[in-house]
Amino acid sequence: MTNHQKIWTLSRNELAAAVACLGYPEEFADLLARQLGSPKAISRLASYIRQARPGSVEMIVDEMVAIQSEIDAWREKKEFQEAQNRYNRWLNSDERCGDEEDP
């Protein structure tokens, strides 16, 4: 088992323990983990469950959706920043200057 697989397994087990502590089946934790898609997000949800002790499945799913939304917003921000950096490099490049014609 690779180090990456160990991290995933530990995160998934952490979530399964938190979900089981509330009386829900481990299969629910599997679904949540697959939907979140990263060990860090899985650990965030497990921490939320342990600290907030939500009273319903809906509250857990709402938190999972909130975590996903934050991750998606972060990814969009990073993509925008990269596009902006490429545009700025193009603006300051000799290639752009060669494309412009003097009137």
Protein backbone atom coordinates (compact mmCIF):
# COMPACT_ATOMS: atom_id res chain seq x y z
CA MET A 1 0.00 0.00 0.00
CA THR A 2 1.43 3.37 -0.99
CA ASN A 3 1.67 6.34 1.35
CA HIS A 4 -1.11 8.07 -0.58
CA GLN A 5 -3.40 5.06 -0.15
CA LYS A 6 -2.61 4.98 3.58
CA ILE A 7 -3.64 8.63 3.93
CA TRP A 8 -6.92 7.95 2.10
CA THR A 9 -7.61 4.90 4.25
CA LEU A 10 -6.90 6.75 7.49
CA SER A 11 -9.18 9.63 6.48
CA ARG A 12 -11.95 7.28 5.43
CA ASN A 13 -11.63 5.30 8.68
CA GLU A 14 -11.73 8.55 10.67
CA LEU A 15 -14.97 9.51 8.92
CA ALA A 16 -16.43 6.02 9.36
CA ALA A 17 -15.73 6.14 13.10
CA ALA A 18 -17.34 9.57 13.43
CA VAL A 19 -20.42 8.48 11.47
CA ALA A 20 -20.70 5.20 13.40
CA CYS A 21 -20.47 7.13 16.67
CA LEU A 22 -23.72 8.87 15.69
CA GLY A 23 -25.35 5.53 14.89
CA TYR A 24 -25.21 5.66 11.10
CA PRO A 25 -23.85 2.80 8.99
CA GLU A 26 -20.29 2.82 7.66
CA GLU A 27 -21.65 2.64 4.10
CA PHE A 28 -22.87 6.21 4.61
CA ALA A 29 -19.27 7.23 5.36
CA ASP A 30 -18.14 5.51 2.14
CA LEU A 31 -20.64 7.54 0.13
CA LEU A 32 -19.56 10.77 1.81
CA ALA A 33 -15.87 10.01 1.27
CA ARG A 34 -16.36 9.23 -2.42
CA GLN A 35 -18.32 12.43 -2.91
CA LEU A 36 -15.75 14.62 -1.16
CA GLY A 37 -12.84 13.19 -3.10
CA SER A 38 -9.83 14.16 -0.98
CA PRO A 39 -8.40 13.09 2.36
CA LYS A 40 -8.30 16.67 3.64
CA ALA A 41 -11.99 17.23 2.87
CA ILE A 42 -12.88 13.86 4.42
CA SER A 43 -11.00 14.81 7.60
CA ARG A 44 -12.77 18.18 7.69
CA LEU A 45 -16.15 16.47 7.60
CA ALA A 46 -15.09 13.97 10.27
CA SER A 47 -13.97 16.84 12.51
CA TYR A 48 -17.30 18.60 11.98
CA ILE A 49 -19.21 15.44 12.89
CA ARG A 50 -17.16 14.88 16.05
CA GLN A 51 -17.44 18.50 17.21
CA ALA A 52 -20.98 19.48 16.17
CA ARG A 53 -22.60 16.07 16.63
CA PRO A 54 -25.29 16.84 14.02
CA GLY A 55 -28.71 15.42 14.74
CA SER A 56 -29.64 14.30 11.25
CA VAL A 57 -28.28 12.92 8.01
CA GLU A 58 -29.40 16.13 6.29
CA MET A 59 -27.12 18.24 8.50
CA ILE A 60 -24.15 16.01 7.66
CA VAL A 61 -24.92 16.18 3.94
CA ASP A 62 -25.35 19.98 4.15
CA GLU A 63 -21.88 20.27 5.67
CA MET A 64 -20.47 17.98 2.99
CA VAL A 65 -22.00 20.21 0.30
CA ALA A 66 -20.58 23.30 2.02
CA ILE A 67 -17.11 21.75 2.07
CA GLN A 68 -17.43 20.85 -1.62
CA SER A 69 -18.54 24.40 -2.44
CA GLU A 70 -15.53 25.87 -0.66
CA ILE A 71 -13.19 23.53 -2.53
CA ASP A 72 -14.82 24.37 -5.87
CA ALA A 73 -14.57 28.11 -5.15
CA TRP A 74 -10.89 27.70 -4.25
CA ARG A 75 -10.22 25.79 -7.49
CA GLU A 76 -12.01 28.45 -9.56
CA LYS A 77 -9.99 31.16 -7.84
CA LYS A 78 -6.73 29.34 -8.60
CA GLU A 79 -7.76 28.82 -12.25
CA PHE A 80 -8.62 32.52 -12.55
CA GLN A 81 -5.31 33.52 -11.01
CA GLU A 82 -3.39 31.27 -13.41
CA ALA A 83 -5.30 32.68 -16.40
CA GLN A 84 -4.61 36.22 -15.16
CA ASN A 85 -0.91 35.42 -14.76
CA ARG A 86 -0.73 34.03 -18.31
CA TYR A 87 -2.51 37.11 -19.64
CA ASN A 88 -0.14 39.42 -17.76
CA ARG A 89 2.87 37.51 -19.10
CA TRP A 90 1.47 37.86 -22.61
CA LEU A 91 0.86 41.59 -22.11
CA ASN A 92 4.47 42.07 -21.05
CA SER A 93 5.99 39.76 -23.65
CA ASP A 94 7.91 40.61 -26.79
CA GLU A 95 5.46 38.45 -28.75
CA ARG A 96 2.63 40.89 -28.01
CA CYS A 97 4.77 43.87 -28.84
CA GLY A 98 5.60 42.34 -32.23
CA ASP A 99 1.90 41.88 -33.03
CA GLU A 100 1.11 45.56 -32.67
CA GLU A 101 1.56 47.71 -35.72
CA ASP A 102 2.57 51.33 -35.60
CA PRO A 103 -0.03 53.69 -37.15
